[in-house]
Amino acid sequence: MQRLIVYFLFLFLILFGGCAKKEEAKKSVIQAIPVKAARVEIKDMHRVLEYVGNIKAQDEAMVYPKVSGKIIEKVKIEGASINKGDTLVFIDRDETGFQFNKAPVESPLSGVVGKVFVDIGSNVSPQTAVALVVDMDKVRINLDIPEKYLPKVYLGQNALVRVDAYPDKEFAGKVTKISPVVDLDTRASYIEIAIDNPEHYLKSGMFAKVSLFIEEHKDVPVILKEAILGKEPDNYVYVVENNKAFMRKITLGIHQGSEYEVTSGLRKEELVVILGQQKLFDFAPVTIEMEGD
């Protein structure tokens, strides 16, 4: 009986040990983690300040008559082209006991008649605005720039302008004026951006969105925001090599939207995880789905 007990005990130990080894073997096989990845790209990056403002004609003139009288003829209507010296309206300045030739009211600049404020029969004086004339070949936008950015703003600097009326168009502008003083209340300085407008797409009074390029880095490694883990100055990503993930510390530079410049830690064409990295660790096996697939 004692031998039988020893035999069964021995058999149990063998079976239990075999099962334990199988369980250990199963645990030692780590399942590959599915991730999405993208290549490090080389691009030009710009640091951009975004502003909004109102478009104004480069030159605008309110037109006033030189004499008092009554409007007897309108020569130009709103939207009409006009040259400097052209007549807008004529005034009858007849007074009791006197007779005068009709007096012209002339445009002081070339451009477009933006608005006519009087009708035939209106009485006017030298203080009455008759019309608004605008030169739309160039337009401008005035912006207030915070003083901390002023060292990066200079004459001739490029800007992009967008308006809701033409959502698919971008208009190129340049900084043409920078105020030499900073406003004590707003701690900002006035600048002016001029835009060529030969086809008169841009109208005075339009609301515009302005992108002012204050810094440019050419041919730098770029990754998507989704790849970045941690917080400054301890940012890191997971790089995939031979179907294994490795944590890599990186240093970031400027960014445009969802794209970030990497100043150290990555090279062109390296494969960086952008989705699923929360489950990763060094040497973790991965299966890869490429961005765009």
Protein backbone atom coordinates (compact mmCIF):
# COMPACT_ATOMS: atom_id res chain seq x y z
CA MET A 1 0.00 0.00 0.00
CA GLN A 2 2.80 2.34 0.89
CA ARG A 3 4.45 1.65 -2.46
CA LEU A 4 1.18 2.46 -4.23
CA ILE A 5 0.92 5.80 -2.43
CA VAL A 6 4.51 6.68 -3.37
CA TYR A 7 3.82 5.71 -6.97
CA PHE A 8 0.75 7.96 -7.26
CA LEU A 9 2.59 10.82 -5.55
CA PHE A 10 5.46 10.49 -8.00
CA LEU A 11 3.01 10.40 -10.94
CA PHE A 12 1.25 13.55 -9.65
CA LEU A 13 4.50 15.45 -9.35
CA ILE A 14 5.45 14.55 -12.92
CA LEU A 15 2.09 15.63 -14.33
CA PHE A 16 1.98 18.87 -12.28
CA GLY A 17 5.53 19.76 -13.26
CA GLY A 18 4.73 19.26 -16.94
CA CYS A 19 1.67 21.49 -16.76
CA ALA A 20 3.63 24.18 -14.92
CA LYS A 21 6.31 24.12 -17.61
CA LYS A 22 3.66 24.49 -20.30
CA GLU A 23 2.15 27.50 -18.49
CA GLU A 24 5.59 29.10 -18.16
CA ALA A 25 6.22 28.53 -21.87
CA LYS A 26 2.91 30.19 -22.70
CA LYS A 27 3.74 33.20 -20.55
CA SER A 28 7.14 33.56 -22.18
CA VAL A 29 5.51 34.08 -25.61
CA ILE A 30 4.50 37.79 -25.71
CA GLN A 31 1.82 38.63 -28.23
CA ALA A 32 2.74 41.31 -30.78
CA ILE A 33 1.02 44.66 -30.13
CA PRO A 34 -0.78 46.25 -33.12
CA VAL A 35 0.27 49.86 -33.72
CA LYS A 36 -0.01 52.53 -36.41
CA ALA A 37 3.21 54.20 -37.54
CA ALA A 38 4.49 56.95 -39.85
CA ARG A 39 7.88 57.85 -41.31
CA VAL A 40 9.86 60.86 -40.16
CA GLU A 41 9.68 63.41 -42.99
CA ILE A 42 12.01 66.24 -43.95
CA LYS A 43 10.17 69.53 -44.48
CA ASP A 44 10.42 73.30 -44.22
CA MET A 45 8.72 74.56 -41.07
CA HIS A 46 7.43 78.03 -40.27
CA ARG A 47 6.48 79.61 -36.99
CA VAL A 48 3.29 81.54 -37.68
CA LEU A 49 1.32 84.18 -35.81
CA GLU A 50 -2.41 84.13 -36.57
CA TYR A 51 -4.43 87.37 -36.51
CA VAL A 52 -7.67 88.80 -37.80
CA GLY A 53 -8.29 92.28 -39.16
CA ASN A 54 -10.28 94.41 -41.57
CA ILE A 55 -9.20 95.17 -45.11
CA LYS A 56 -8.88 98.79 -46.16
CA ALA A 57 -7.99 100.35 -49.49
CA GLN A 58 -4.39 101.50 -49.65
CA ASP A 59 -5.66 105.03 -50.47
CA GLU A 60 -9.12 106.37 -49.65
CA ALA A 61 -10.47 109.88 -50.03
CA MET A 62 -13.69 111.49 -48.88
CA VAL A 63 -14.61 114.04 -51.54
CA TYR A 64 -15.99 117.46 -50.52
CA PRO A 65 -17.21 120.28 -52.80
CA LYS A 66 -15.44 123.63 -52.86
CA VAL A 67 -18.68 125.61 -53.12
CA SER A 68 -22.20 125.48 -51.76
CA GLY A 69 -25.20 124.73 -53.94
CA LYS A 70 -27.50 122.04 -55.24
CA ILE A 71 -26.51 118.76 -56.97
CA ILE A 72 -27.80 118.97 -60.54
CA GLU A 73 -25.92 116.10 -62.21
CA LYS A 74 -24.23 112.84 -61.12
CA VAL A 75 -21.46 111.83 -63.54
CA LYS A 76 -20.08 108.76 -61.77
CA ILE A 77 -21.96 105.98 -60.00
CA GLU A 78 -20.80 103.58 -57.29
CA GLY A 79 -18.35 100.98 -58.59
CA ALA A 80 -17.26 103.08 -61.56
CA SER A 81 -13.57 103.54 -62.31
CA ILE A 82 -12.31 107.06 -62.01
CA ASN A 83 -9.08 108.97 -62.70
CA LYS A 84 -7.63 111.76 -60.67
CA GLY A 85 -9.33 115.01 -61.73
CA ASP A 86 -12.44 113.33 -63.19
CA THR A 87 -15.76 114.91 -62.27
CA LEU A 88 -18.04 113.06 -59.86
CA VAL A 89 -21.00 115.47 -59.72
CA PHE A 90 -21.92 118.99 -60.81
CA ILE A 91 -23.28 121.68 -58.47
CA ASP A 92 -25.60 124.51 -59.39
CA ARG A 93 -24.38 127.41 -57.28
CA ASP A 94 -26.73 130.07 -58.62
CA GLU A 95 -27.48 132.79 -56.13
CA THR A 96 -30.07 135.56 -56.34
CA GLY A 97 -28.74 138.24 -58.65
CA PHE A 98 -25.83 136.06 -59.86
CA GLN A 99 -25.42 133.32 -62.44
CA PHE A 100 -22.53 130.86 -62.41
CA ASN A 101 -21.50 127.94 -64.57
CA LYS A 102 -22.18 124.58 -62.96
CA ALA A 103 -19.33 123.70 -60.63
CA PRO A 104 -17.61 120.29 -60.89
CA VAL A 105 -16.63 118.19 -57.88
CA GLU A 106 -13.46 116.33 -58.89
CA SER A 107 -11.79 113.17 -57.60
CA PRO A 108 -8.48 113.76 -55.79
CA LEU A 109 -7.14 110.31 -56.77
CA SER A 110 -7.52 107.50 -59.30
CA GLY A 111 -9.42 104.39 -58.30
CA VAL A 112 -13.03 103.31 -57.88
CA VAL A 113 -16.07 105.20 -56.66
CA GLY A 114 -16.83 103.39 -53.42
CA LYS A 115 -19.87 105.37 -52.34
CA VAL A 116 -21.91 108.39 -53.47
CA PHE A 117 -23.59 110.10 -50.53
CA VAL A 118 -25.81 112.63 -52.35
CA ASP A 119 -28.70 112.57 -54.79
CA ILE A 120 -29.75 115.06 -57.46
CA GLY A 121 -31.41 117.99 -55.73
CA SER A 122 -29.37 117.63 -52.51
CA ASN A 123 -28.08 120.84 -51.04
CA VAL A 124 -24.38 120.69 -50.23
CA SER A 125 -21.68 122.85 -48.68
CA PRO A 126 -17.89 122.53 -48.38
CA GLN A 127 -18.56 120.49 -45.20
CA THR A 128 -20.77 117.93 -47.00
CA ALA A 129 -19.17 114.62 -48.03
CA VAL A 130 -20.19 113.96 -51.63
CA ALA A 131 -18.45 110.64 -52.33
CA LEU A 132 -15.80 108.14 -51.24
CA VAL A 133 -13.11 107.22 -53.76
CA VAL A 134 -10.83 104.25 -53.13
CA ASP A 135 -7.71 102.92 -54.84
CA MET A 136 -8.25 99.12 -54.75
CA ASP A 137 -5.12 98.11 -56.68
CA LYS A 138 -3.51 97.68 -53.28
CA VAL A 139 -5.18 97.04 -49.95
CA ARG A 140 -3.87 97.02 -46.40
CA ILE A 141 -4.58 95.45 -43.03
CA ASN A 142 -3.59 97.02 -39.72
CA LEU A 143 -2.64 94.69 -36.86
CA ASP A 144 -1.49 95.10 -33.25
CA ILE A 145 1.51 92.85 -32.50
CA PRO A 146 2.38 92.02 -28.84
CA GLU A 147 5.74 93.48 -27.87
CA LYS A 148 7.31 90.04 -27.23
CA TYR A 149 7.05 89.25 -30.96
CA LEU A 150 8.31 92.59 -32.25
CA PRO A 151 11.98 91.48 -32.54
CA LYS A 152 10.83 88.90 -35.11
CA VAL A 153 8.82 91.37 -37.23
CA TYR A 154 10.57 93.31 -40.00
CA LEU A 155 9.77 95.33 -43.12
CA GLY A 156 9.19 93.13 -46.15
CA GLN A 157 8.19 90.14 -44.03
CA ASN A 158 5.79 87.72 -45.75
CA ALA A 159 2.17 87.18 -44.72
CA LEU A 160 -0.72 85.12 -46.07
CA VAL A 161 -4.23 86.56 -46.11
CA ARG A 162 -7.52 84.63 -46.40
CA VAL A 163 -11.10 85.90 -46.62
CA ASP A 164 -14.39 84.02 -46.30
CA ALA A 165 -15.56 85.25 -49.71
CA TYR A 166 -12.80 83.22 -51.44
CA PRO A 167 -12.09 80.21 -49.16
CA ASP A 168 -9.86 78.50 -51.75
CA LYS A 169 -7.64 81.53 -52.39
CA GLU A 170 -4.59 82.80 -50.52
CA PHE A 171 -3.37 86.36 -51.00
CA ALA A 172 0.29 87.25 -50.46
CA GLY A 173 1.10 90.31 -48.37
CA LYS A 174 4.16 92.05 -46.94
CA VAL A 175 4.82 94.13 -43.83
CA THR A 176 5.18 97.73 -45.02
CA LYS A 177 4.98 99.71 -41.76
CA ILE A 178 5.99 99.09 -38.16
CA SER A 179 5.18 101.61 -35.46
CA PRO A 180 8.24 102.77 -33.50
CA VAL A 181 6.25 102.91 -30.24
CA VAL A 182 4.42 100.39 -28.04
CA ASP A 183 0.97 101.23 -26.69
CA LEU A 184 1.15 101.52 -22.89
CA ASP A 185 -2.31 100.01 -22.40
CA THR A 186 -2.17 97.04 -24.78
CA ARG A 187 1.63 96.45 -24.77
CA ALA A 188 1.35 96.05 -28.54
CA SER A 189 2.69 97.87 -31.57
CA TYR A 190 0.86 98.71 -34.78
CA ILE A 191 2.00 97.20 -38.09
CA GLU A 192 0.60 97.46 -41.61
CA ILE A 193 0.44 94.67 -44.17
CA ALA A 194 0.00 95.59 -47.85
CA ILE A 195 -1.50 93.22 -50.44
CA ASP A 196 -1.44 93.61 -54.22
CA ASN A 197 -5.05 93.46 -55.45
CA PRO A 198 -5.01 93.92 -59.25
CA GLU A 199 -8.23 91.96 -59.82
CA HIS A 200 -10.01 93.71 -56.93
CA TYR A 201 -11.02 90.45 -55.24
CA LEU A 202 -10.38 92.06 -51.87
CA LYS A 203 -12.86 94.76 -50.91
CA SER A 204 -12.52 97.49 -48.34
CA GLY A 205 -14.28 96.38 -45.16
CA MET A 206 -13.79 92.62 -45.65
CA PHE A 207 -12.87 90.55 -42.59
CA ALA A 208 -9.52 88.84 -43.10
CA LYS A 209 -7.43 86.14 -41.41
CA VAL A 210 -3.70 86.86 -41.49
CA SER A 211 -0.80 84.41 -41.05
CA LEU A 212 2.46 86.21 -40.31
CA PHE A 213 5.60 84.09 -40.79
CA ILE A 214 8.07 85.05 -38.05
CA GLU A 215 10.50 82.10 -38.22
CA GLU A 216 11.57 79.56 -40.87
CA HIS A 217 13.50 76.29 -40.44
CA LYS A 218 14.43 74.54 -43.70
CA ASP A 219 14.85 70.78 -44.26
CA VAL A 220 14.15 69.60 -40.70
CA PRO A 221 12.77 66.26 -39.38
CA VAL A 222 9.02 66.45 -38.81
CA ILE A 223 6.60 64.12 -36.96
CA LEU A 224 2.90 64.17 -36.17
CA LYS A 225 1.66 65.44 -32.81
CA GLU A 226 0.03 62.03 -32.17
CA ALA A 227 3.47 60.41 -31.89
CA ILE A 228 4.65 62.59 -29.01
CA LEU A 229 4.48 61.38 -25.41
CA GLY A 230 5.53 63.06 -22.17
CA LYS A 231 5.88 66.78 -21.46
CA GLU A 232 8.60 69.33 -22.17
CA PRO A 233 11.49 68.89 -21.65
CA ASP A 234 10.92 65.12 -21.32
CA ASN A 235 9.22 64.30 -24.62
CA TYR A 236 9.70 60.89 -26.17
CA VAL A 237 8.40 58.66 -28.95
CA TYR A 238 8.47 54.95 -29.78
CA VAL A 239 10.61 54.04 -32.78
CA VAL A 240 10.09 50.70 -34.56
CA GLU A 241 13.11 48.67 -35.68
CA ASN A 242 12.88 45.04 -36.84
CA ASN A 243 9.26 44.85 -35.62
CA LYS A 244 10.23 45.87 -32.09
CA ALA A 245 9.47 49.15 -30.33
CA PHE A 246 12.13 51.26 -28.59
CA MET A 247 11.54 54.38 -26.52
CA ARG A 248 13.50 57.41 -27.83
CA LYS A 249 13.84 60.79 -26.10
CA ILE A 250 13.42 63.75 -28.46
CA THR A 251 13.68 67.54 -28.44
CA LEU A 252 11.01 69.56 -30.18
CA GLY A 253 11.23 72.83 -32.12
CA ILE A 254 8.50 74.87 -33.81
CA HIS A 255 5.21 73.42 -35.03
CA GLN A 256 2.59 74.05 -37.71
CA GLY A 257 -0.82 72.62 -36.91
CA SER A 258 -0.33 68.93 -36.10
CA GLU A 259 3.26 68.75 -37.43
CA TYR A 260 6.21 69.23 -35.06
CA GLU A 261 9.88 69.85 -35.80
CA VAL A 262 12.31 67.46 -34.05
CA THR A 263 15.62 69.16 -33.27
CA SER A 264 17.27 66.03 -31.85
CA GLY A 265 16.55 62.33 -31.43
CA LEU A 266 15.22 61.30 -34.84
CA ARG A 267 16.42 60.92 -38.42
CA LYS A 268 14.73 60.94 -41.81
CA GLU A 269 12.65 57.85 -42.66
CA GLU A 270 12.73 56.39 -39.15
CA LEU A 271 9.44 54.70 -38.27
CA VAL A 272 7.57 56.32 -35.38
CA VAL A 273 4.45 54.97 -33.66
CA ILE A 274 1.47 57.36 -33.81
CA LEU A 275 -1.30 55.11 -32.43
CA GLY A 276 -1.25 52.35 -29.81
CA GLN A 277 1.94 53.46 -28.02
CA GLN A 278 0.28 53.48 -24.58
CA LYS A 279 0.78 49.69 -24.37
CA LEU A 280 4.39 49.73 -25.53
CA PHE A 281 7.64 49.19 -23.68
CA ASP A 282 11.25 48.73 -24.76
CA PHE A 283 11.72 45.68 -27.02
CA ALA A 284 7.94 45.13 -27.29
CA PRO A 285 7.07 43.16 -30.44
CA VAL A 286 4.68 45.03 -32.73
CA THR A 287 2.61 44.57 -35.87
CA ILE A 288 2.52 47.73 -37.97
CA GLU A 289 -0.19 49.50 -39.91
CA MET A 290 1.27 52.41 -41.86
CA GLU A 291 -0.32 55.89 -41.80
CA GLY A 292 -2.42 56.30 -44.93
CA ASP A 293 -3.07 52.58 -45.42
